Amino acid sequence: SGSNAILTNQHCVENQAVCDNTEFGFDAY
């Protein structure tokens, strides 16, 4: 989405605490 919503697997980001401290690398193909 244009509001920076990220879709990923649950085993990557298991809970909100992990989600809040995750760093995302965009345009990394």
PDB file of all heavy atoms in Angstrom:
ATOM      1  N   SER A   1       0.839  -1.199   0.000  1.00  0.00           N
ATOM      2  CA  SER A   1       0.000   0.000   0.000  1.00  0.00           C
ATOM      3  C   SER A   1       0.871   1.244   0.000  1.00  0.00           C
ATOM      4  O   SER A   1       2.065   1.182   0.308  1.00  0.00           O
ATOM      5  CB  SER A   1      -0.931   0.029   1.216  1.00  0.00           C
ATOM      6  OG  SER A   1      -0.247   0.515   2.352  1.00  0.00           O
ATOM      7  N   GLY A   2       0.244   2.359  -0.354  1.00  0.00           N
ATOM      8  CA  GLY A   2       0.954   3.623  -0.357  1.00  0.00           C
ATOM      9  C   GLY A   2       1.238   4.158   1.026  1.00  0.00           C
ATOM     10  O   GLY A   2       1.956   5.145   1.189  1.00  0.00           O
ATOM     11  N   SER A   3       0.667   3.515   2.054  1.00  0.00           N
ATOM     12  CA  SER A   3       0.889   3.951   3.428  1.00  0.00           C
ATOM     13  C   SER A   3       1.893   3.052   4.151  1.00  0.00           C
ATOM     14  O   SER A   3       1.900   2.963   5.366  1.00  0.00           O
ATOM     15  CB  SER A   3      -0.431   3.976   4.201  1.00  0.00           C
ATOM     16  OG  SER A   3      -1.039   2.700   4.185  1.00  0.00           O
ATOM     17  N   ASN A   4       2.737   2.371   3.356  1.00  0.00           N
ATOM     18  CA  ASN A   4       3.815   1.535   3.892  1.00  0.00           C
ATOM     19  C   ASN A   4       3.324   0.352   4.712  1.00  0.00           C
ATOM     20  O   ASN A   4       3.902   0.015   5.739  1.00  0.00           O
ATOM     21  CB  ASN A   4       4.796   2.373   4.732  1.00  0.00           C
ATOM     22  CG  ASN A   4       5.688   3.229   3.861  1.00  0.00           C
ATOM     23  OD1 ASN A   4       5.845   2.961   2.675  1.00  0.00           O
ATOM     24  ND2 ASN A   4       6.269   4.262   4.441  1.00  0.00           N
ATOM     25  N   ALA A   5       2.254  -0.305   4.254  1.00  0.00           N
ATOM     26  CA  ALA A   5       1.822  -1.560   4.869  1.00  0.00           C
ATOM     27  C   ALA A   5       2.624  -2.685   4.217  1.00  0.00           C
ATOM     28  O   ALA A   5       2.720  -2.769   2.996  1.00  0.00           O
ATOM     29  CB  ALA A   5       0.332  -1.786   4.656  1.00  0.00           C
ATOM     30  N   ILE A   6       3.232  -3.553   5.043  1.00  0.00           N
ATOM     31  CA  ILE A   6       4.085  -4.616   4.547  1.00  0.00           C
ATOM     32  C   ILE A   6       3.425  -5.969   4.769  1.00  0.00           C
ATOM     33  O   ILE A   6       2.934  -6.265   5.857  1.00  0.00           O
ATOM     34  CB  ILE A   6       5.447  -4.602   5.267  1.00  0.00           C
ATOM     35  CG1 ILE A   6       6.128  -3.242   5.111  1.00  0.00           C
ATOM     36  CG2 ILE A   6       6.363  -5.700   4.732  1.00  0.00           C
ATOM     37  CD1 ILE A   6       6.427  -2.846   3.685  1.00  0.00           C
ATOM     38  N   LEU A   7       3.404  -6.801   3.712  1.00  0.00           N
ATOM     39  CA  LEU A   7       2.880  -8.149   3.802  1.00  0.00           C
ATOM     40  C   LEU A   7       4.054  -9.118   3.885  1.00  0.00           C
ATOM     41  O   LEU A   7       4.930  -9.121   3.022  1.00  0.00           O
ATOM     42  CB  LEU A   7       2.035  -8.485   2.570  1.00  0.00           C
ATOM     43  CG  LEU A   7       1.499  -9.916   2.469  1.00  0.00           C
ATOM     44  CD1 LEU A   7       0.488 -10.172   3.587  1.00  0.00           C
ATOM     45  CD2 LEU A   7       0.867 -10.153   1.095  1.00  0.00           C
ATOM     46  N   THR A   8       4.088  -9.924   4.943  1.00  0.00           N
ATOM     47  CA  THR A   8       5.151 -10.908   5.100  1.00  0.00           C
ATOM     48  C   THR A   8       4.602 -12.112   5.841  1.00  0.00           C
ATOM     49  O   THR A   8       3.433 -12.139   6.239  1.00  0.00           O
ATOM     50  CB  THR A   8       6.367 -10.305   5.842  1.00  0.00           C
ATOM     51  OG1 THR A   8       7.469 -11.224   5.794  1.00  0.00           O
ATOM     52  CG2 THR A   8       6.031  -9.998   7.299  1.00  0.00           C
ATOM     53  N   ASN A   9       5.430 -13.137   6.020  1.00  0.00           N
ATOM     54  CA  ASN A   9       4.994 -14.363   6.685  1.00  0.00           C
ATOM     55  C   ASN A   9       5.017 -14.222   8.200  1.00  0.00           C
ATOM     56  O   ASN A   9       5.839 -13.485   8.756  1.00  0.00           O
ATOM     57  CB  ASN A   9       5.906 -15.533   6.277  1.00  0.00           C
ATOM     58  CG  ASN A   9       5.718 -15.919   4.821  1.00  0.00           C
ATOM     59  OD1 ASN A   9       4.608 -16.140   4.363  1.00  0.00           O
ATOM     60  ND2 ASN A   9       6.812 -15.975   4.091  1.00  0.00           N
ATOM     61  N   GLN A  10       4.152 -14.982   8.857  1.00  0.00           N
ATOM     62  CA  GLN A  10       4.072 -14.914  10.314  1.00  0.00           C
ATOM     63  C   GLN A  10       5.366 -15.401  10.969  1.00  0.00           C
ATOM     64  O   GLN A  10       5.755 -14.920  12.027  1.00  0.00           O
ATOM     65  CB  GLN A  10       2.897 -15.752  10.821  1.00  0.00           C
ATOM     66  CG  GLN A  10       2.691 -15.642  12.337  1.00  0.00           C
ATOM     67  CD  GLN A  10       1.519 -16.448  12.824  1.00  0.00           C
ATOM     68  OE1 GLN A  10       0.857 -17.137  12.050  1.00  0.00           O
ATOM     69  NE2 GLN A  10       1.239 -16.383  14.102  1.00  0.00           N
ATOM     70  N   HIS A  11       6.054 -16.372  10.325  1.00  0.00           N
ATOM     71  CA  HIS A  11       7.279 -16.853  10.939  1.00  0.00           C
ATOM     72  C   HIS A  11       8.416 -15.840  10.799  1.00  0.00           C
ATOM     73  O   HIS A  11       9.455 -15.991  11.432  1.00  0.00           O
ATOM     74  CB  HIS A  11       7.697 -18.211  10.364  1.00  0.00           C
ATOM     75  CG  HIS A  11       8.096 -18.179   8.920  1.00  0.00           C
ATOM     76  ND1 HIS A  11       7.205 -18.458   7.910  1.00  0.00           N
ATOM     77  CD2 HIS A  11       9.275 -17.902   8.327  1.00  0.00           C
ATOM     78  CE1 HIS A  11       7.830 -18.367   6.751  1.00  0.00           C
ATOM     79  NE2 HIS A  11       9.076 -18.028   6.966  1.00  0.00           N
ATOM     80  N   CYS A  12       8.211 -14.799   9.985  1.00  0.00           N
ATOM     81  CA  CYS A  12       9.208 -13.731   9.889  1.00  0.00           C
ATOM     82  C   CYS A  12       8.988 -12.696  10.995  1.00  0.00           C
ATOM     83  O   CYS A  12       9.928 -12.261  11.655  1.00  0.00           O
ATOM     84  CB  CYS A  12       9.116 -13.044   8.531  1.00  0.00           C
ATOM     85  SG  CYS A  12       9.563 -14.068   7.129  1.00  0.00           S
ATOM     86  N   VAL A  13       7.753 -12.275  11.161  1.00  0.00           N
ATOM     87  CA  VAL A  13       7.393 -11.293  12.185  1.00  0.00           C
ATOM     88  C   VAL A  13       6.297 -11.923  13.038  1.00  0.00           C
ATOM     89  O   VAL A  13       5.130 -11.919  12.665  1.00  0.00           O
ATOM     90  CB  VAL A  13       6.914  -9.968  11.549  1.00  0.00           C
ATOM     91  CG1 VAL A  13       6.576  -8.954  12.628  1.00  0.00           C
ATOM     92  CG2 VAL A  13       7.969  -9.404  10.607  1.00  0.00           C
ATOM     93  N   GLU A  14       6.685 -12.478  14.175  1.00  0.00           N
ATOM     94  CA  GLU A  14       5.781 -13.314  14.954  1.00  0.00           C
ATOM     95  C   GLU A  14       4.858 -12.541  15.879  1.00  0.00           C
ATOM     96  O   GLU A  14       3.796 -13.021  16.238  1.00  0.00           O
ATOM     97  CB  GLU A  14       6.604 -14.307  15.780  1.00  0.00           C
ATOM     98  CG  GLU A  14       7.421 -15.272  14.916  1.00  0.00           C
ATOM     99  CD  GLU A  14       8.311 -16.164  15.752  1.00  0.00           C
ATOM    100  OE1 GLU A  14       8.495 -15.852  16.950  1.00  0.00           O
ATOM    101  OE2 GLU A  14       8.819 -17.165  15.220  1.00  0.00           O
ATOM    102  N   ASN A  15       5.257 -11.338  16.298  1.00  0.00           N
ATOM    103  CA  ASN A  15       4.427 -10.605  17.249  1.00  0.00           C
ATOM    104  C   ASN A  15       4.667  -9.109  17.088  1.00  0.00           C
ATOM    105  O   ASN A  15       5.537  -8.672  16.332  1.00  0.00           O
ATOM    106  CB  ASN A  15       4.710 -11.060  18.687  1.00  0.00           C
ATOM    107  CG  ASN A  15       6.188 -10.986  19.033  1.00  0.00           C
ATOM    108  OD1 ASN A  15       6.808  -9.932  18.916  1.00  0.00           O
ATOM    109  ND2 ASN A  15       6.762 -12.117  19.440  1.00  0.00           N
ATOM    110  N   GLN A  16       3.872  -8.321  17.801  1.00  0.00           N
ATOM    111  CA  GLN A  16       3.936  -6.871  17.651  1.00  0.00           C
ATOM    112  C   GLN A  16       5.270  -6.301  18.099  1.00  0.00           C
ATOM    113  O   GLN A  16       5.785  -5.350  17.508  1.00  0.00           O
ATOM    114  CB  GLN A  16       2.804  -6.217  18.444  1.00  0.00           C
ATOM    115  CG  GLN A  16       2.633  -4.723  18.169  1.00  0.00           C
ATOM    116  CD  GLN A  16       2.189  -4.435  16.747  1.00  0.00           C
ATOM    117  OE1 GLN A  16       1.279  -5.078  16.246  1.00  0.00           O
ATOM    118  NE2 GLN A  16       2.842  -3.487  16.085  1.00  0.00           N
ATOM    119  N   ALA A  17       5.873  -6.880  19.130  1.00  0.00           N
ATOM    120  CA  ALA A  17       7.158  -6.375  19.619  1.00  0.00           C
ATOM    121  C   ALA A  17       8.231  -6.511  18.545  1.00  0.00           C
ATOM    122  O   ALA A  17       9.027  -5.588  18.315  1.00  0.00           O
ATOM    123  CB  ALA A  17       7.572  -7.128  20.881  1.00  0.00           C
ATOM    124  N   VAL A  18       8.248  -7.657  17.848  1.00  0.00           N
ATOM    125  CA  VAL A  18       9.207  -7.855  16.756  1.00  0.00           C
ATOM    126  C   VAL A  18       8.887  -6.892  15.619  1.00  0.00           C
ATOM    127  O   VAL A  18       9.775  -6.291  15.014  1.00  0.00           O
ATOM    128  CB  VAL A  18       9.168  -9.313  16.261  1.00  0.00           C
ATOM    129  CG1 VAL A  18      10.038  -9.486  15.018  1.00  0.00           C
ATOM    130  CG2 VAL A  18       9.642 -10.253  17.361  1.00  0.00           C
ATOM    131  N   CYS A  19       7.604  -6.737  15.337  1.00  0.00           N
ATOM    132  CA  CYS A  19       7.158  -5.850  14.258  1.00  0.00           C
ATOM    133  C   CYS A  19       7.623  -4.413  14.484  1.00  0.00           C
ATOM    134  O   CYS A  19       8.116  -3.749  13.576  1.00  0.00           O
ATOM    135  CB  CYS A  19       5.639  -5.906  14.169  1.00  0.00           C
ATOM    136  SG  CYS A  19       4.921  -5.214  12.666  1.00  0.00           S
ATOM    137  N   ASP A  20       7.503  -3.954  15.725  1.00  0.00           N
ATOM    138  CA  ASP A  20       7.862  -2.577  16.051  1.00  0.00           C
ATOM    139  C   ASP A  20       9.359  -2.313  15.918  1.00  0.00           C
ATOM    140  O   ASP A  20       9.779  -1.160  15.816  1.00  0.00           O
ATOM    141  CB  ASP A  20       7.420  -2.237  17.476  1.00  0.00           C
ATOM    142  CG  ASP A  20       5.902  -2.159  17.605  1.00  0.00           C
ATOM    143  OD1 ASP A  20       5.236  -2.008  16.578  1.00  0.00           O
ATOM    144  OD2 ASP A  20       5.401  -2.271  18.739  1.00  0.00           O
ATOM    145  N   ASN A  21      10.173  -3.369  15.939  1.00  0.00           N
ATOM    146  CA  ASN A  21      11.622  -3.197  15.906  1.00  0.00           C
ATOM    147  C   ASN A  21      12.266  -3.820  14.676  1.00  0.00           C
ATOM    148  O   ASN A  21      13.444  -4.160  14.678  1.00  0.00           O
ATOM    149  CB  ASN A  21      12.238  -3.801  17.173  1.00  0.00           C
ATOM    150  CG  ASN A  21      11.892  -2.999  18.421  1.00  0.00           C
ATOM    151  OD1 ASN A  21      12.450  -1.961  18.671  1.00  0.00           O
ATOM    152  ND2 ASN A  21      10.926  -3.507  19.180  1.00  0.00           N
ATOM    153  N   THR A  22      11.476  -3.956  13.618  1.00  0.00           N
ATOM    154  CA  THR A  22      11.982  -4.542  12.382  1.00  0.00           C
ATOM    155  C   THR A  22      12.387  -3.443  11.402  1.00  0.00           C
ATOM    156  O   THR A  22      11.700  -2.426  11.271  1.00  0.00           O
ATOM    157  CB  THR A  22      10.923  -5.450  11.732  1.00  0.00           C
ATOM    158  OG1 THR A  22      10.658  -6.541  12.607  1.00  0.00           O
ATOM    159  CG2 THR A  22      11.386  -5.993  10.404  1.00  0.00           C
ATOM    160  N   GLU A  23      13.499  -3.651  10.741  1.00  0.00           N
ATOM    161  CA  GLU A  23      13.985  -2.699   9.738  1.00  0.00           C
ATOM    162  C   GLU A  23      13.732  -3.288   8.347  1.00  0.00           C
ATOM    163  O   GLU A  23      14.006  -4.447   8.101  1.00  0.00           O
ATOM    164  CB  GLU A  23      15.478  -2.469   9.927  1.00  0.00           C
ATOM    165  CG  GLU A  23      16.082  -1.486   8.936  1.00  0.00           C
ATOM    166  CD  GLU A  23      17.558  -1.268   9.205  1.00  0.00           C
ATOM    167  OE1 GLU A  23      17.940  -1.154  10.387  1.00  0.00           O
ATOM    168  OE2 GLU A  23      18.325  -1.229   8.243  1.00  0.00           O
ATOM    169  N   PHE A  24      13.192  -2.463   7.444  1.00  0.00           N
ATOM    170  CA  PHE A  24      12.827  -2.930   6.118  1.00  0.00           C
ATOM    171  C   PHE A  24      13.729  -2.291   5.066  1.00  0.00           C
ATOM    172  O   PHE A  24      13.956  -1.090   5.094  1.00  0.00           O
ATOM    173  CB  PHE A  24      11.370  -2.568   5.800  1.00  0.00           C
ATOM    174  CG  PHE A  24      10.381  -3.190   6.742  1.00  0.00           C
ATOM    175  CD1 PHE A  24      10.049  -2.573   7.944  1.00  0.00           C
ATOM    176  CD2 PHE A  24       9.807  -4.408   6.446  1.00  0.00           C
ATOM    177  CE1 PHE A  24       9.149  -3.152   8.815  1.00  0.00           C
ATOM    178  CE2 PHE A  24       8.905  -4.997   7.323  1.00  0.00           C
ATOM    179  CZ  PHE A  24       8.567  -4.366   8.512  1.00  0.00           C
ATOM    180  N   GLY A  25      14.249  -3.122   4.142  1.00  0.00           N
ATOM    181  CA  GLY A  25      15.051  -2.607   3.036  1.00  0.00           C
ATOM    182  C   GLY A  25      14.224  -2.587   1.778  1.00  0.00           C
ATOM    183  O   GLY A  25      13.912  -3.644   1.210  1.00  0.00           O
ATOM    184  N   PHE A  26      13.831  -1.414   1.301  1.00  0.00           N
ATOM    185  CA  PHE A  26      12.970  -1.291   0.127  1.00  0.00           C
ATOM    186  C   PHE A  26      13.771  -1.342  -1.175  1.00  0.00           C
ATOM    187  O   PHE A  26      14.950  -1.003  -1.199  1.00  0.00           O
ATOM    188  CB  PHE A  26      12.182   0.030   0.183  1.00  0.00           C
ATOM    189  CG  PHE A  26      11.201   0.092   1.307  1.00  0.00           C
ATOM    190  CD1 PHE A  26      11.588   0.512   2.563  1.00  0.00           C
ATOM    191  CD2 PHE A  26       9.878  -0.278   1.110  1.00  0.00           C
ATOM    192  CE1 PHE A  26      10.691   0.572   3.606  1.00  0.00           C
ATOM    193  CE2 PHE A  26       8.970  -0.217   2.155  1.00  0.00           C
ATOM    194  CZ  PHE A  26       9.377   0.201   3.396  1.00  0.00           C
ATOM    195  N   ASP A  27      13.102  -1.721  -2.268  1.00  0.00           N
ATOM    196  CA  ASP A  27      13.710  -1.704  -3.589  1.00  0.00           C
ATOM    197  C   ASP A  27      14.976  -2.553  -3.624  1.00  0.00           C
ATOM    198  O   ASP A  27      15.997  -2.150  -4.161  1.00  0.00           O
ATOM    199  CB  ASP A  27      14.021  -0.266  -4.009  1.00  0.00           C
ATOM    200  CG  ASP A  27      14.193  -0.126  -5.511  1.00  0.00           C
ATOM    201  OD1 ASP A  27      13.884  -1.091  -6.236  1.00  0.00           O
ATOM    202  OD2 ASP A  27      14.651   0.934  -5.966  1.00  0.00           O
ATOM    203  N   ALA A  28      14.902  -3.746  -3.033  1.00  0.00           N
ATOM    204  CA  ALA A  28      16.099  -4.565  -2.860  1.00  0.00           C
ATOM    205  C   ALA A  28      16.105  -5.788  -3.759  1.00  0.00           C
ATOM    206  O   ALA A  28      16.709  -6.783  -3.429  1.00  0.00           O
ATOM    207  CB  ALA A  28      16.221  -5.000  -1.396  1.00  0.00           C
ATOM    208  N   TYR A  29      15.425  -5.720  -4.923  1.00  0.00           N
ATOM    209  CA  TYR A  29      15.397  -6.875  -5.813  1.00  0.00           C
ATOM    210  C   TYR A  29      16.797  -7.194  -6.301  1.00  0.00           C
ATOM    211  O   TYR A  29      17.543  -6.312  -6.706  1.00  0.00           O
ATOM    212  CB  TYR A  29      14.490  -6.623  -7.027  1.00  0.00           C
ATOM    213  CG  TYR A  29      14.400  -7.845  -7.919  1.00  0.00           C
ATOM    214  CD1 TYR A  29      13.467  -8.841  -7.651  1.00  0.00           C
ATOM    215  CD2 TYR A  29      15.282  -8.011  -8.974  1.00  0.00           C
ATOM    216  CE1 TYR A  29      13.408  -9.978  -8.430  1.00  0.00           C
ATOM    217  CE2 TYR A  29      15.220  -9.156  -9.751  1.00  0.00           C
ATOM    218  CZ  TYR A  29      14.288 -10.134  -9.486  1.00  0.00           C
ATOM    219  OH  TYR A  29      14.250 -11.252 -10.246  1.00  0.00           O
TER     220      TYR A  29
END
